[in-house]
Structures are given as C-alpha cells and as structure tokens.
C-alpha cells in the first residue's frame, strides 16, 4: 500500500543552532576623529589573533549613546560571560596594543574584552541572533535557504522519490523476499543501480551492505564493477519494475538526463536507502561522488505498528549515526560533500 512521504533535511549544528558560540575580542572606544579608524586597523593588524577569526564581524559599531566602538584584536580563548575583566596575560596584551596606538597618535579609551559571535551567520535567524550581540557580515545563500525549507526538491523529484520508496517497500513486504535492506541510485526518472542485502549477505561478506552493492551495480552497468554478476542477480526484476513505475508516469516524461552524459560512477546521482547508512557506506557514497542521500527514518520503521512491515524492512548497517550525529557527509576536510534527507512515512495514499 503506497505511503505519502515527509522529507526532512539533515542540518549540521552550524545550521540548526540559532544562538552563536562566542569568542573574546579586544574592544575600545574611539576618542579622535572617525578618519582614525583606518589607521587603527593598519596599526593593529599584527595583533589580530587570528585575522580569519574576525572577518565575519563589522570592526566598528555606533552605540545608541553616541560612542564608536572598535574591535582591535581577536583572542584565541573564549569565556562564557558577556564581558570579562582583564587580568594577567590579557592585560599585558591590551597594554601592548594601547602603547602601539598612542605612539602613532591614536587615542582610544575604555579598553576591554567583550564577547562576540565566533562564526558567521548562515541563516536569517542566526543573523538576527548575531546582530543582537555585534554587527555581523552576512552572505545569503539561496540554495541553503531552499535546502532548509525543502523547496529545493521540486514536484517531479518528489514523485520520483515517492515512487521508488514505495516500490522498495512493496518488494520487501512480498512473502518471497529475503532481503531486508535496499538502496536505489537514480537521477531524474532513470534508475542506475540497485543494492539489496540482509544479515545472511553480510555474514558472507561484511562489506556487502545495500548502498555498497548499489554503487557497484552502477559501475557494473557502465561496464566495470568489482563484485561478480551473481551479487546483482538478487532483485534483478525489481530494477526493471522500479524503472517501469517511473516510465508509466506521464508527468515524468520530460524528467530525463542526457543519455550521452556518463559521469564518474555516481556523480550527480541521488540514492534512496531504507536505513541510515553507516560510516563505511557513507564514505563509499562520498568516494563515488553521490549528490544527495534520502533514507528512511530507521526508528520509525523499527517501531512501526505493522509488524510484518517492521520485520521485513530491517537495517543491515551498524547504527553508528554517521549522518545524524557525526555529519560525515558535511565534513569540510573531505573534498566532496553531499546533502542528506530523512524520509518519514505518513498516512497511506490511495
């Protein structure tokens, strides 16, 4: 019986947290003319620790009582208070800045350490929170906004995702099906790879999780692949059935990719998995250059009231939370990253 779907973006902490982490900076009030500001920035450039750490901040702000506050330097350490008294090494550091400015004819007053946002705002809500603390630079990303709102997935893509997901679930609830985990790699309305697995499969080969088999399936369909053909013979009919589901929908007639385009393995392809992938599978998706991941909410499936459904759709991947807690797919130290979405099953549709 077909399900309607709710597709939720997986947001790393930098996107989901509204209130910013704080860091300490040295601030002072301008006494002389406003034209001294550029001179101040030039004279304090050697004191900024580090320069990159304050690039997201406005160096100057005007207060309601008419004062002009300047950020002179950023400190590497942080403190939980809104403002902290200076002492020890901090006081020595401030004295060196003050001496350098005064020797060059720049007079400031009320040197102090205050808390400011430690990282740039990436959403409108974060910008509002940061601006309450200190003026912040902001580069709006329309792609990021659409990703958070979910509008980046158009109606045709939603129909493809719903059709493939329901096709997989129908296959698993079939009495003759022994597989409990599935992965389908697709782009537009074309299926390029399929992987099916179960506990018996992984006992024979611990790396044969459904996403890994699906990646190898794409390679094999392109004339390569590592595992023997019999690995992909399981569920071979399902691949054709899923493609027929998409071909039979007239609204997807123009939702195709140029047949002459043959990318590196899974570049610009999407994948649907019936569970959250483990660390191994996530790294496999990164290596194969997958574009987007959609996976069933594992907890929802395990706790489903339909006992037959819950028992027929069981995870194979180790539950190490590679996506939802470690955000491996968004790690900035890796040269490829992809977007991830969690699928929740809603009420059945007619």
Protein backbone atom coordinates (compact mmCIF):
# COMPACT_ATOMS: atom_id res chain seq x y z
CA UNK A 1 0.00 0.00 0.00
CA UNK A 2 1.62 3.31 -1.07
CA UNK A 3 2.76 5.84 1.51
CA UNK A 4 2.97 9.59 1.29
CA UNK A 5 6.30 10.95 2.47
CA UNK A 6 7.67 13.75 4.60
CA UNK A 7 11.24 14.59 3.55
CA UNK A 8 13.33 16.37 6.20
CA UNK A 9 16.79 17.90 5.62
CA UNK A 10 19.58 16.79 7.95
CA UNK A 11 21.11 20.00 9.29
CA UNK A 12 24.53 20.09 10.90
CA UNK A 13 24.95 22.04 14.14
CA UNK A 14 26.14 25.16 12.32
CA UNK A 15 22.72 25.38 10.65
CA UNK A 16 20.38 24.07 13.33
CA UNK A 17 21.75 26.18 16.21
CA UNK A 18 20.36 29.72 16.32
CA UNK A 19 22.40 31.27 19.12
CA UNK A 20 26.07 31.60 18.09
CA UNK A 21 29.07 30.38 20.04
CA UNK A 22 31.06 33.30 21.44
CA UNK A 23 34.69 34.35 21.41
CA UNK A 24 36.62 37.13 23.11
CA UNK A 25 37.85 40.26 21.35
CA UNK A 26 39.57 43.46 22.49
CA UNK A 27 37.32 46.49 22.05
CA UNK A 28 37.89 50.20 22.75
CA UNK A 29 36.01 53.48 22.23
CA UNK A 30 37.21 55.93 19.60
CA UNK A 31 38.12 59.36 21.04
CA UNK A 32 39.59 61.11 17.99
CA UNK A 33 38.02 61.77 14.56
CA UNK A 34 36.31 58.96 12.65
CA UNK A 35 39.04 59.08 9.99
CA UNK A 36 41.38 57.47 12.54
CA UNK A 37 39.54 54.15 12.08
CA UNK A 38 41.51 53.01 9.02
CA UNK A 39 44.74 53.98 10.78
CA UNK A 40 43.68 51.91 13.78
CA UNK A 41 43.10 48.83 11.64
CA UNK A 42 46.51 49.21 9.99
CA UNK A 43 48.31 49.62 13.31
CA UNK A 44 46.55 46.66 14.98
CA UNK A 45 46.83 44.16 12.09
CA UNK A 46 49.76 42.40 13.79
CA UNK A 47 47.73 41.93 16.98
CA UNK A 48 44.71 40.23 15.41
CA UNK A 49 44.80 36.57 16.55
CA UNK A 50 43.91 35.19 14.09
CA UNK A 51 42.85 37.51 11.25
CA UNK A 52 40.41 34.92 9.84
CA UNK A 53 38.67 34.73 13.19
CA UNK A 54 37.06 38.18 12.96
CA UNK A 55 36.47 38.57 9.22
CA UNK A 56 32.77 37.87 9.68
CA UNK A 57 32.39 40.82 12.08
CA UNK A 58 31.97 44.53 11.46
CA UNK A 59 35.04 46.08 13.01
CA UNK A 60 33.15 49.23 14.10
CA UNK A 61 29.72 49.86 15.57
CA UNK A 62 27.89 53.02 16.67
CA UNK A 63 26.15 52.81 20.05
CA UNK A 64 22.86 54.42 20.99
CA UNK A 65 24.64 56.84 23.34
CA UNK A 66 26.86 58.17 20.54
CA UNK A 67 30.05 56.18 21.17
CA UNK A 68 32.06 54.47 18.40
CA UNK A 69 33.32 51.03 19.43
CA UNK A 70 36.17 49.35 17.52
CA UNK A 71 37.28 45.72 17.54
CA UNK A 72 41.07 45.83 17.80
CA UNK A 73 42.00 42.16 18.03
CA UNK A 74 40.53 38.73 18.44
CA UNK A 75 41.65 36.37 21.21
CA UNK A 76 42.04 32.63 20.70
CA UNK A 77 40.43 31.71 24.01
CA UNK A 78 36.75 32.11 24.87
CA UNK A 79 34.74 32.87 28.00
CA UNK A 80 31.12 32.33 28.82
CA UNK A 81 30.44 35.82 30.22
CA UNK A 82 29.09 38.73 28.20
CA UNK A 83 32.08 40.82 29.26
CA UNK A 84 35.12 39.86 31.30
CA UNK A 85 37.56 41.89 33.33
CA UNK A 86 41.13 41.94 32.03
CA UNK A 87 43.89 40.31 34.04
CA UNK A 88 47.26 38.62 33.63
CA UNK A 89 48.36 37.98 30.05
CA UNK A 90 45.20 39.57 28.67
CA UNK A 91 46.04 42.85 30.39
CA UNK A 92 49.60 42.75 29.03
CA UNK A 93 48.27 42.12 25.54
CA UNK A 94 45.90 45.09 25.77
CA UNK A 95 48.71 47.32 27.09
CA UNK A 96 50.85 46.49 24.05
CA UNK A 97 48.00 47.41 21.70
CA UNK A 98 47.38 50.66 23.58
CA UNK A 99 51.07 51.63 23.53
CA UNK A 100 51.34 50.94 19.80
CA UNK A 101 48.35 53.15 19.02
CA UNK A 102 49.38 56.00 21.32
CA UNK A 103 52.90 56.12 19.82
CA UNK A 104 51.23 56.78 16.48
CA UNK A 105 48.91 59.47 17.76
CA UNK A 106 45.72 57.41 18.08
CA UNK A 107 43.87 57.78 21.36
CA UNK A 108 41.24 55.30 22.45
CA UNK A 109 39.60 54.80 25.82
CA UNK A 110 37.96 52.09 27.87
CA UNK A 111 39.95 49.12 26.54
CA UNK A 112 38.11 45.91 27.43
CA UNK A 113 37.40 42.33 26.38
CA UNK A 114 33.87 41.50 25.23
CA UNK A 115 32.08 38.51 23.74
CA UNK A 116 31.14 38.49 20.05
CA UNK A 117 29.85 35.78 17.65
CA UNK A 118 32.64 33.28 16.92
CA UNK A 119 31.41 32.21 13.47
CA UNK A 120 29.48 33.81 10.60
CA UNK A 121 25.71 33.66 10.38
CA UNK A 122 24.43 31.33 7.65
CA UNK A 123 20.67 31.79 8.07
CA UNK A 124 18.38 34.77 8.66
CA UNK A 125 17.61 33.55 12.18
CA UNK A 126 21.32 33.27 13.01
CA UNK A 127 21.93 36.76 11.58
CA UNK A 128 19.26 38.18 13.86
CA UNK A 129 20.78 36.42 16.88
CA UNK A 130 24.32 37.57 15.99
CA UNK A 131 23.27 41.15 15.34
CA UNK A 132 21.89 41.44 18.85
CA UNK A 133 25.45 40.87 20.09
CA UNK A 134 27.58 42.61 17.47
CA UNK A 135 27.08 43.73 13.82
CA UNK A 136 27.86 40.81 11.53
CA UNK A 137 28.56 40.43 7.81
CA UNK A 138 26.12 38.14 6.03
CA UNK A 139 26.19 36.50 2.59
CA UNK A 140 22.78 34.98 1.93
CA UNK A 141 22.73 31.64 0.10
CA UNK A 142 19.51 31.00 -1.82
CA UNK A 143 20.48 27.34 -2.23
CA UNK A 144 20.89 26.95 1.53
CA UNK A 145 17.55 28.63 2.23
CA UNK A 146 15.77 26.32 -0.23
CA UNK A 147 17.55 23.31 1.29
CA UNK A 148 16.37 24.19 4.80
CA UNK A 149 12.84 24.93 3.62
CA UNK A 150 12.71 21.80 1.47
CA UNK A 151 11.70 23.77 -1.64
CA UNK A 152 14.90 22.71 -3.42
CA UNK A 153 13.13 19.41 -4.21
CA UNK A 154 10.57 20.08 -6.95
CA UNK A 155 7.32 18.18 -7.57
CA UNK A 156 8.84 15.87 -10.18
CA UNK A 157 11.68 14.89 -7.85
CA UNK A 158 9.24 14.25 -5.01
CA UNK A 159 7.20 11.99 -7.26
CA UNK A 160 10.33 10.02 -8.22
CA UNK A 161 11.38 9.65 -4.56
CA UNK A 162 7.88 8.57 -3.51
CA UNK A 163 7.58 6.06 -6.36
CA UNK A 164 10.97 4.43 -5.70
CA UNK A 165 10.44 4.34 -1.91
CA UNK A 166 7.02 2.71 -2.23
CA UNK A 167 8.37 0.29 -4.84
CA UNK A 168 11.08 -0.84 -2.43
CA UNK A 169 8.67 -1.23 0.48
CA UNK A 170 6.23 -3.22 -1.64
CA UNK A 171 9.07 -5.52 -2.65
CA UNK A 172 10.16 -6.10 0.96
CA UNK A 173 6.68 -6.97 2.19
CA UNK A 174 6.40 -9.64 -0.50
CA UNK A 175 6.31 -13.07 1.12
CA UNK A 176 9.10 -14.39 -1.14
CA UNK A 177 11.54 -11.56 -0.37
CA UNK A 178 14.52 -12.42 1.83
CA UNK A 179 16.25 -9.03 1.58
CA UNK A 180 15.63 -6.55 4.40
CA UNK A 181 17.71 -3.55 3.29
CA UNK A 182 17.67 -1.82 -0.07
CA UNK A 183 19.33 1.05 -1.91
CA UNK A 184 18.43 2.57 -5.28
CA UNK A 185 20.67 5.00 -7.19
CA UNK A 186 18.86 7.24 -9.65
CA UNK A 187 18.92 10.57 -11.45
CA UNK A 188 15.80 12.29 -12.69
CA UNK A 189 13.40 9.47 -13.68
CA UNK A 190 16.11 6.91 -14.50
CA UNK A 191 17.32 4.14 -12.19
CA UNK A 192 21.04 3.38 -12.50
CA UNK A 193 21.81 0.98 -9.66
CA UNK A 194 20.20 -1.32 -7.10
CA UNK A 195 21.54 -2.96 -3.98
CA UNK A 196 19.73 -5.50 -1.76
CA UNK A 197 21.13 -7.03 1.40
CA UNK A 198 20.25 -8.92 4.56
CA UNK A 199 22.05 -10.38 7.56
CA UNK A 200 22.94 -13.53 5.61
CA UNK A 201 24.56 -11.38 2.89
CA UNK A 202 26.78 -9.55 5.38
CA UNK A 203 27.74 -12.78 7.16
CA UNK A 204 29.18 -13.99 3.86
CA UNK A 205 30.82 -10.62 3.15
CA UNK A 206 30.71 -7.88 5.85
CA UNK A 207 31.11 -5.11 3.23
CA UNK A 208 28.04 -6.09 1.24
CA UNK A 209 25.66 -3.50 2.62
CA UNK A 210 22.93 -2.40 0.22
CA UNK A 211 24.48 1.04 -0.57
CA UNK A 212 27.84 -0.56 -1.41
CA UNK A 213 26.15 -3.12 -3.67
CA UNK A 214 24.17 -0.32 -5.35
CA UNK A 215 27.38 1.64 -6.07
CA UNK A 216 28.96 -1.49 -7.56
CA UNK A 217 25.77 -2.02 -9.58
CA UNK A 218 26.18 1.41 -11.20
CA UNK A 219 29.79 0.56 -12.07
CA UNK A 220 28.79 -2.83 -13.47
CA UNK A 221 26.03 -1.30 -15.62
CA UNK A 222 28.70 1.04 -17.02
CA UNK A 223 30.93 -1.91 -17.94
CA UNK A 224 33.05 -2.12 -14.76
CA UNK A 225 32.23 -3.23 -11.21
CA UNK A 226 34.09 -5.36 -8.68
CA UNK A 227 31.71 -8.00 -7.37
CA UNK A 228 30.62 -10.93 -9.58
CA UNK A 229 27.40 -10.81 -11.57
CA UNK A 230 25.54 -13.09 -9.14
CA UNK A 231 25.82 -10.36 -6.50
CA UNK A 232 23.47 -8.25 -8.61
CA UNK A 233 21.17 -11.05 -9.73
CA UNK A 234 19.16 -10.75 -6.48
CA UNK A 235 16.31 -8.40 -7.16
CA UNK A 236 17.20 -8.03 -10.84
CA UNK A 237 13.47 -7.93 -11.69
CA UNK A 238 13.00 -5.15 -9.12
CA UNK A 239 15.31 -2.84 -11.09
CA UNK A 240 13.05 -3.14 -14.11
CA UNK A 241 9.91 -2.79 -12.02
CA UNK A 242 11.12 0.43 -10.44
CA UNK A 243 12.02 1.85 -13.83
CA UNK A 244 8.57 0.89 -15.17
CA UNK A 245 6.94 2.69 -12.23
CA UNK A 246 8.70 5.88 -13.33
CA UNK A 247 8.18 5.36 -17.08
CA UNK A 248 4.43 4.91 -16.55
CA UNK A 249 4.03 8.39 -15.03
CA UNK A 250 3.31 10.93 -17.82
CA UNK A 251 4.31 13.86 -15.61
CA UNK A 252 7.88 12.50 -15.61
CA UNK A 253 8.14 12.21 -19.39
CA UNK A 254 10.49 15.21 -19.62
CA UNK A 255 12.28 14.50 -16.33
CA UNK A 256 15.26 12.80 -18.01
CA UNK A 257 19.03 13.18 -18.20
CA UNK A 258 21.02 13.37 -21.41
CA UNK A 259 21.81 9.76 -22.34
CA UNK A 260 25.23 10.83 -23.62
CA UNK A 261 26.26 12.01 -20.15
CA UNK A 262 28.34 9.33 -18.42
CA UNK A 263 29.76 10.72 -15.16
CA UNK A 264 32.36 9.28 -12.80
CA UNK A 265 30.46 6.45 -11.04
CA UNK A 266 27.67 8.32 -9.17
CA UNK A 267 28.50 11.97 -9.84
CA UNK A 268 25.23 13.97 -9.68
CA UNK A 269 23.24 10.83 -8.87
CA UNK A 270 20.89 10.51 -5.88
CA UNK A 271 20.37 7.47 -3.66
CA UNK A 272 17.43 6.20 -1.60
CA UNK A 273 18.25 3.76 1.22
CA UNK A 274 15.83 2.02 3.55
CA UNK A 275 18.04 2.89 6.55
CA UNK A 276 20.61 5.45 7.69
CA UNK A 277 23.97 4.43 6.18
CA UNK A 278 26.88 3.51 8.42
CA UNK A 279 30.37 5.06 8.35
CA UNK A 280 31.60 2.63 5.70
CA UNK A 281 28.66 3.23 3.39
CA UNK A 282 28.77 7.00 3.92
CA UNK A 283 32.42 7.07 2.90
CA UNK A 284 31.52 4.92 -0.10
CA UNK A 285 28.92 7.49 -1.13
CA UNK A 286 31.48 10.27 -0.73
CA UNK A 287 34.08 8.38 -2.77
CA UNK A 288 31.55 7.69 -5.55
CA UNK A 289 30.52 11.39 -5.61
CA UNK A 290 26.83 10.89 -4.81
CA UNK A 291 24.81 14.12 -4.98
CA UNK A 292 22.00 13.58 -2.47
CA UNK A 293 21.02 10.91 0.05
CA UNK A 294 17.47 10.05 1.06
CA UNK A 295 16.95 7.42 3.73
CA UNK A 296 14.05 6.02 5.72
CA UNK A 297 13.74 7.03 9.36
CA UNK A 298 15.18 3.87 10.91
CA UNK A 299 13.46 4.39 14.28
CA UNK A 300 10.07 4.88 12.65
CA UNK A 301 10.41 1.68 10.67
CA UNK A 302 11.57 -0.33 13.71
CA UNK A 303 8.63 0.92 15.78
CA UNK A 304 6.01 0.53 13.07
CA UNK A 305 2.65 -0.86 14.19
CA UNK A 306 2.61 -3.05 11.10
CA UNK A 307 4.63 -6.00 12.45
CA UNK A 308 5.05 -7.54 9.01
CA UNK A 309 6.42 -4.28 7.64
CA UNK A 310 8.81 -3.76 10.58
CA UNK A 311 10.16 -7.29 10.31
CA UNK A 312 10.57 -7.21 6.53
CA UNK A 313 12.46 -3.88 6.45
CA UNK A 314 15.32 -4.32 8.91
CA UNK A 315 18.66 -2.44 8.89
CA UNK A 316 21.95 -4.06 7.94
CA UNK A 317 24.24 -1.08 8.54
CA UNK A 318 25.74 -0.64 12.00
CA UNK A 319 23.81 2.15 13.82
CA UNK A 320 26.81 4.47 14.28
CA UNK A 321 24.88 7.65 13.35
CA UNK A 322 27.34 8.62 10.62
CA UNK A 323 24.83 11.09 9.17
CA UNK A 324 22.68 12.37 12.03
CA UNK A 325 25.32 12.78 14.73
CA UNK A 326 28.75 12.80 13.08
CA UNK A 327 27.70 14.58 9.85
CA UNK A 328 30.46 12.78 7.93
CA UNK A 329 28.77 13.80 4.68
CA UNK A 330 29.39 17.50 5.50
CA UNK A 331 32.97 17.22 6.82
CA UNK A 332 34.89 20.22 5.49
CA UNK A 333 38.18 18.29 5.46
CA UNK A 334 36.83 15.97 2.74
CA UNK A 335 36.92 17.13 -0.88
CA UNK A 336 33.36 16.00 -1.63
CA UNK A 337 30.20 16.56 0.39
CA UNK A 338 26.55 15.74 -0.21
CA UNK A 339 23.14 16.69 1.15
CA UNK A 340 21.14 14.25 3.27
CA UNK A 341 17.41 13.95 3.84
CA UNK A 342 15.43 11.73 6.22
CA UNK A 343 12.18 10.22 4.91
CA UNK A 344 9.25 9.80 7.27
CA UNK A 345 6.33 7.66 6.17
CA UNK A 346 2.95 9.34 6.57
CA UNK A 347 -0.56 8.03 6.14
CA UNK A 348 -1.17 5.73 3.20
CA UNK A 349 -2.39 7.23 -0.05
CA UNK A 350 -4.95 5.84 -2.42
